Amino acid sequence: MSKVKSPTEKKRLSLMRDRRNTYGESPHASRKNIRRGKQRSHREERRFANQVLAMVDSESSEERKAQADATLKAGVLNKRLRGFKKDPDTPLGEVIRRKQAKRKERGMNS
């Protein structure tokens, strides 16, 4: 059961917590593209790792293997940090304020 009893408090919390996608594409496209972005970044990590490992063969020196290992770890970490990140959706209260401001602006221009 909800700890919040007052309807005004419930509304205030709802406007803070509920979020809307304001990225500018349809919700169906967003759902698909978020998944594709994650897939793309994982694929980039794997491709980078395979390129580094391809430079080292079984007859390479230990020093070269250690250097490749360090390069691999640093590169994969860098790819992961620069990889796909979903932009958070906008709080509902902010979306409503923007819409009201646009309506007011349109009303004054007419």
N, C-alpha and C. Protein backbone atom coordinates (compact mmCIF):
# COMPACT_ATOMS: atom_id res chain seq x y z
N MET A 1 0.84 -1.19 0.00
CA MET A 1 0.00 0.00 0.00
C MET A 1 0.88 1.25 0.00
N SER A 2 0.43 2.26 -0.69
CA SER A 2 1.21 3.48 -0.83
C SER A 2 1.32 4.22 0.50
N LYS A 3 2.50 4.75 0.75
CA LYS A 3 2.70 5.54 1.96
C LYS A 3 2.19 6.96 1.78
N VAL A 4 2.07 7.39 0.52
CA VAL A 4 1.60 8.74 0.21
C VAL A 4 0.08 8.72 0.20
N LYS A 5 -0.53 9.58 0.98
CA LYS A 5 -1.99 9.57 1.11
C LYS A 5 -2.65 10.72 0.37
N SER A 6 -2.02 11.87 0.34
CA SER A 6 -2.66 13.04 -0.24
C SER A 6 -2.60 12.99 -1.77
N PRO A 7 -3.70 13.29 -2.45
CA PRO A 7 -3.71 13.28 -3.90
C PRO A 7 -2.72 14.28 -4.52
N THR A 8 -2.55 15.44 -3.89
CA THR A 8 -1.59 16.41 -4.46
C THR A 8 -0.16 15.90 -4.35
N GLU A 9 0.14 15.22 -3.26
CA GLU A 9 1.48 14.65 -3.09
C GLU A 9 1.70 13.51 -4.10
N LYS A 10 0.67 12.71 -4.32
CA LYS A 10 0.75 11.63 -5.32
C LYS A 10 1.02 12.21 -6.71
N LYS A 11 0.33 13.29 -7.04
CA LYS A 11 0.49 13.92 -8.35
C LYS A 11 1.91 14.48 -8.50
N ARG A 12 2.39 15.14 -7.46
CA ARG A 12 3.74 15.72 -7.49
C ARG A 12 4.79 14.63 -7.70
N LEU A 13 4.66 13.53 -6.97
CA LEU A 13 5.60 12.41 -7.11
C LEU A 13 5.50 11.78 -8.49
N SER A 14 4.28 11.69 -9.01
CA SER A 14 4.08 11.12 -10.34
C SER A 14 4.77 11.97 -11.40
N LEU A 15 4.67 13.29 -11.30
CA LEU A 15 5.31 14.18 -12.27
C LEU A 15 6.83 14.10 -12.20
N MET A 16 7.37 13.79 -11.02
CA MET A 16 8.82 13.65 -10.88
C MET A 16 9.30 12.29 -11.40
N ARG A 17 8.57 11.23 -11.07
CA ARG A 17 9.04 9.87 -11.34
C ARG A 17 8.72 9.39 -12.76
N ASP A 18 7.51 9.67 -13.24
CA ASP A 18 7.12 9.19 -14.57
C ASP A 18 7.96 9.89 -15.62
N ARG A 19 8.28 9.17 -16.67
CA ARG A 19 9.16 9.73 -17.70
C ARG A 19 8.56 9.54 -19.08
N ARG A 20 8.95 10.42 -20.01
CA ARG A 20 8.49 10.34 -21.38
C ARG A 20 9.69 10.39 -22.31
N ASN A 21 9.59 9.65 -23.41
CA ASN A 21 10.64 9.64 -24.41
C ASN A 21 10.49 10.89 -25.28
N THR A 22 11.46 11.78 -25.22
CA THR A 22 11.41 13.01 -26.01
C THR A 22 12.53 13.05 -27.03
N TYR A 23 13.05 11.90 -27.39
CA TYR A 23 14.18 11.83 -28.32
C TYR A 23 13.78 12.27 -29.72
N GLY A 24 12.54 12.06 -30.09
CA GLY A 24 12.08 12.55 -31.37
C GLY A 24 11.82 11.46 -32.39
N GLU A 25 11.88 10.22 -31.98
CA GLU A 25 11.52 9.14 -32.90
C GLU A 25 10.37 8.37 -32.29
N SER A 26 9.74 7.55 -33.12
CA SER A 26 8.58 6.80 -32.62
C SER A 26 9.04 5.82 -31.54
N PRO A 27 8.15 5.47 -30.62
CA PRO A 27 8.54 4.55 -29.54
C PRO A 27 8.99 3.20 -30.06
N HIS A 28 8.43 2.77 -31.20
CA HIS A 28 8.81 1.47 -31.76
C HIS A 28 10.25 1.54 -32.24
N ALA A 29 10.60 2.63 -32.89
CA ALA A 29 11.98 2.80 -33.38
C ALA A 29 12.94 2.89 -32.20
N SER A 30 12.54 3.58 -31.13
CA SER A 30 13.40 3.69 -29.95
C SER A 30 13.70 2.32 -29.37
N ARG A 31 12.68 1.51 -29.24
CA ARG A 31 12.89 0.18 -28.66
C ARG A 31 13.87 -0.63 -29.50
N LYS A 32 13.74 -0.52 -30.82
CA LYS A 32 14.63 -1.28 -31.70
C LYS A 32 16.04 -0.69 -31.71
N ASN A 33 16.15 0.63 -31.74
CA ASN A 33 17.45 1.27 -31.86
C ASN A 33 18.28 1.18 -30.60
N ILE A 34 17.64 1.12 -29.44
CA ILE A 34 18.39 0.94 -28.19
C ILE A 34 19.09 -0.42 -28.24
N ARG A 35 18.36 -1.43 -28.63
CA ARG A 35 18.93 -2.77 -28.73
C ARG A 35 20.05 -2.81 -29.77
N ARG A 36 19.84 -2.13 -30.90
CA ARG A 36 20.87 -2.10 -31.96
C ARG A 36 22.12 -1.38 -31.50
N GLY A 37 21.95 -0.31 -30.74
CA GLY A 37 23.10 0.44 -30.24
C GLY A 37 23.95 -0.40 -29.31
N LYS A 38 23.30 -1.16 -28.44
CA LYS A 38 24.04 -2.05 -27.54
C LYS A 38 24.76 -3.13 -28.34
N GLN A 39 24.07 -3.70 -29.33
CA GLN A 39 24.68 -4.73 -30.17
C GLN A 39 25.89 -4.17 -30.91
N ARG A 40 25.77 -2.96 -31.43
CA ARG A 40 26.86 -2.33 -32.18
C ARG A 40 28.08 -2.14 -31.29
N SER A 41 27.89 -1.65 -30.06
CA SER A 41 29.04 -1.41 -29.19
C SER A 41 29.69 -2.73 -28.77
N HIS A 42 28.90 -3.77 -28.54
CA HIS A 42 29.48 -5.07 -28.20
C HIS A 42 30.26 -5.63 -29.38
N ARG A 43 29.72 -5.43 -30.58
CA ARG A 43 30.40 -5.91 -31.78
C ARG A 43 31.73 -5.18 -31.97
N GLU A 44 31.78 -3.88 -31.68
CA GLU A 44 33.02 -3.11 -31.78
C GLU A 44 34.06 -3.63 -30.80
N GLU A 45 33.63 -3.96 -29.58
CA GLU A 45 34.56 -4.53 -28.59
C GLU A 45 35.16 -5.84 -29.10
N ARG A 46 34.30 -6.72 -29.59
CA ARG A 46 34.78 -8.02 -30.08
C ARG A 46 35.72 -7.85 -31.27
N ARG A 47 35.37 -6.94 -32.18
CA ARG A 47 36.20 -6.71 -33.37
C ARG A 47 37.58 -6.21 -32.95
N PHE A 48 37.62 -5.26 -32.00
CA PHE A 48 38.89 -4.73 -31.53
C PHE A 48 39.73 -5.84 -30.91
N ALA A 49 39.09 -6.66 -30.06
CA ALA A 49 39.82 -7.75 -29.40
C ALA A 49 40.38 -8.73 -30.43
N ASN A 50 39.60 -9.06 -31.44
CA ASN A 50 40.07 -9.99 -32.47
C ASN A 50 41.22 -9.40 -33.27
N GLN A 51 41.20 -8.09 -33.53
CA GLN A 51 42.29 -7.45 -34.27
C GLN A 51 43.58 -7.50 -33.48
N VAL A 52 43.51 -7.23 -32.18
CA VAL A 52 44.71 -7.26 -31.34
C VAL A 52 45.24 -8.69 -31.25
N LEU A 53 44.36 -9.65 -31.06
CA LEU A 53 44.79 -11.04 -30.93
C LEU A 53 45.33 -11.60 -32.24
N ALA A 54 44.88 -11.06 -33.37
CA ALA A 54 45.37 -11.54 -34.66
C ALA A 54 46.82 -11.14 -34.88
N MET A 55 47.27 -10.06 -34.23
CA MET A 55 48.66 -9.62 -34.39
C MET A 55 49.63 -10.53 -33.63
N VAL A 56 49.12 -11.27 -32.66
CA VAL A 56 49.97 -12.14 -31.85
C VAL A 56 49.73 -13.58 -32.29
N ASP A 57 50.81 -14.27 -32.62
CA ASP A 57 50.66 -15.68 -32.97
C ASP A 57 51.29 -16.54 -31.88
N SER A 58 51.22 -17.83 -32.05
CA SER A 58 51.70 -18.75 -31.00
C SER A 58 53.20 -18.68 -30.82
N GLU A 59 53.94 -18.20 -31.82
CA GLU A 59 55.41 -18.14 -31.72
C GLU A 59 55.90 -16.78 -31.26
N SER A 60 55.02 -15.88 -30.87
CA SER A 60 55.43 -14.56 -30.39
C SER A 60 56.12 -14.66 -29.05
N SER A 61 56.96 -13.66 -28.77
CA SER A 61 57.67 -13.65 -27.49
C SER A 61 56.69 -13.33 -26.35
N GLU A 62 57.12 -13.65 -25.15
CA GLU A 62 56.30 -13.38 -23.97
C GLU A 62 56.07 -11.87 -23.80
N GLU A 63 57.10 -11.11 -24.13
CA GLU A 63 56.99 -9.65 -24.01
C GLU A 63 55.91 -9.12 -24.95
N ARG A 64 55.89 -9.62 -26.16
CA ARG A 64 54.90 -9.19 -27.15
C ARG A 64 53.50 -9.62 -26.72
N LYS A 65 53.39 -10.81 -26.16
CA LYS A 65 52.09 -11.29 -25.68
C LYS A 65 51.59 -10.42 -24.53
N ALA A 66 52.51 -10.06 -23.61
CA ALA A 66 52.13 -9.22 -22.47
C ALA A 66 51.70 -7.83 -22.95
N GLN A 67 52.43 -7.30 -23.95
CA GLN A 67 52.08 -6.00 -24.50
C GLN A 67 50.70 -6.05 -25.18
N ALA A 68 50.45 -7.13 -25.92
CA ALA A 68 49.15 -7.28 -26.58
C ALA A 68 48.03 -7.40 -25.55
N ASP A 69 48.31 -8.10 -24.45
CA ASP A 69 47.30 -8.26 -23.39
C ASP A 69 46.96 -6.91 -22.77
N ALA A 70 48.00 -6.10 -22.51
CA ALA A 70 47.77 -4.77 -21.93
C ALA A 70 46.99 -3.89 -22.91
N THR A 71 47.37 -3.95 -24.19
CA THR A 71 46.66 -3.18 -25.21
C THR A 71 45.20 -3.61 -25.29
N LEU A 72 44.99 -4.91 -25.24
CA LEU A 72 43.64 -5.47 -25.32
C LEU A 72 42.77 -4.98 -24.16
N LYS A 73 43.29 -5.07 -22.95
CA LYS A 73 42.51 -4.66 -21.78
C LYS A 73 42.19 -3.17 -21.82
N ALA A 74 43.20 -2.35 -22.17
CA ALA A 74 42.98 -0.90 -22.21
C ALA A 74 42.01 -0.54 -23.33
N GLY A 75 42.16 -1.17 -24.48
CA GLY A 75 41.29 -0.86 -25.61
C GLY A 75 39.86 -1.27 -25.39
N VAL A 76 39.66 -2.45 -24.83
CA VAL A 76 38.30 -2.92 -24.58
C VAL A 76 37.63 -2.03 -23.53
N LEU A 77 38.38 -1.64 -22.50
CA LEU A 77 37.82 -0.75 -21.48
C LEU A 77 37.43 0.59 -22.11
N ASN A 78 38.30 1.11 -22.98
CA ASN A 78 38.01 2.37 -23.66
C ASN A 78 36.77 2.24 -24.53
N LYS A 79 36.66 1.14 -25.29
CA LYS A 79 35.48 0.92 -26.14
C LYS A 79 34.22 0.85 -25.29
N ARG A 80 34.32 0.17 -24.15
CA ARG A 80 33.15 0.01 -23.28
C ARG A 80 32.72 1.36 -22.71
N LEU A 81 33.68 2.18 -22.31
CA LEU A 81 33.34 3.48 -21.73
C LEU A 81 32.76 4.43 -22.77
N ARG A 82 33.24 4.33 -24.02
CA ARG A 82 32.75 5.20 -25.08
C ARG A 82 31.58 4.58 -25.83
N GLY A 83 31.18 3.40 -25.43
CA GLY A 83 30.13 2.67 -26.14
C GLY A 83 28.75 3.28 -25.95
N PHE A 84 27.75 2.53 -26.33
CA PHE A 84 26.37 3.00 -26.31
C PHE A 84 25.89 3.30 -24.90
N LYS A 85 25.26 4.45 -24.76
CA LYS A 85 24.61 4.80 -23.50
C LYS A 85 23.24 5.38 -23.86
N LYS A 86 22.22 4.85 -23.26
CA LYS A 86 20.86 5.35 -23.52
C LYS A 86 20.68 6.66 -22.78
N ASP A 87 20.20 7.65 -23.50
CA ASP A 87 19.88 8.92 -22.84
C ASP A 87 18.63 8.70 -22.00
N PRO A 88 18.63 9.16 -20.75
CA PRO A 88 17.45 8.95 -19.93
C PRO A 88 16.26 9.73 -20.47
N ASP A 89 15.09 9.17 -20.27
CA ASP A 89 13.88 9.86 -20.69
C ASP A 89 13.65 11.07 -19.80
N THR A 90 12.84 12.00 -20.27
CA THR A 90 12.59 13.26 -19.58
C THR A 90 11.45 13.09 -18.57
N PRO A 91 11.59 13.67 -17.37
CA PRO A 91 10.50 13.60 -16.39
C PRO A 91 9.22 14.22 -16.94
N LEU A 92 8.10 13.63 -16.59
CA LEU A 92 6.80 14.06 -17.11
C LEU A 92 6.52 15.53 -16.80
N GLY A 93 6.87 15.99 -15.60
CA GLY A 93 6.62 17.38 -15.23
C GLY A 93 7.33 18.35 -16.17
N GLU A 94 8.56 18.02 -16.56
CA GLU A 94 9.32 18.88 -17.47
C GLU A 94 8.69 18.87 -18.86
N VAL A 95 8.22 17.71 -19.31
CA VAL A 95 7.58 17.61 -20.62
C VAL A 95 6.33 18.49 -20.66
N ILE A 96 5.53 18.43 -19.60
CA ILE A 96 4.31 19.23 -19.53
C ILE A 96 4.64 20.72 -19.53
N ARG A 97 5.67 21.13 -18.77
CA ARG A 97 6.05 22.54 -18.74
C ARG A 97 6.47 23.03 -20.13
N ARG A 98 7.24 22.21 -20.86
CA ARG A 98 7.66 22.58 -22.22
C ARG A 98 6.46 22.75 -23.14
N LYS A 99 5.52 21.81 -23.05
CA LYS A 99 4.33 21.88 -23.92
C LYS A 99 3.51 23.13 -23.61
N GLN A 100 3.35 23.44 -22.33
CA GLN A 100 2.59 24.63 -21.96
C GLN A 100 3.28 25.90 -22.44
N ALA A 101 4.61 25.94 -22.36
CA ALA A 101 5.36 27.11 -22.82
C ALA A 101 5.20 27.26 -24.33
N LYS A 102 5.24 26.16 -25.07
CA LYS A 102 5.05 26.22 -26.53
C LYS A 102 3.66 26.72 -26.88
N ARG A 103 2.66 26.23 -26.16
CA ARG A 103 1.27 26.67 -26.42
C ARG A 103 1.13 28.17 -26.17
N LYS A 104 1.73 28.62 -25.07
CA LYS A 104 1.65 30.03 -24.72
C LYS A 104 2.35 30.88 -25.78
N GLU A 105 3.51 30.40 -26.24
CA GLU A 105 4.26 31.11 -27.28
C GLU A 105 3.48 31.17 -28.59
N ARG A 106 2.86 30.06 -28.97
CA ARG A 106 2.06 30.03 -30.19
C ARG A 106 0.84 30.94 -30.09
N GLY A 107 0.26 30.99 -28.92
CA GLY A 107 -0.92 31.83 -28.71
C GLY A 107 -0.59 33.31 -28.82
N MET A 108 0.59 33.72 -28.38
CA MET A 108 0.98 35.13 -28.43
C MET A 108 1.39 35.53 -29.85
N ASN A 109 1.93 34.60 -30.64
CA ASN A 109 2.38 34.91 -32.00
C ASN A 109 1.20 35.07 -32.96
N SER A 110 0.08 34.47 -32.67
CA SER A 110 -1.08 34.50 -33.59
C SER A 110 -1.78 35.81 -33.58
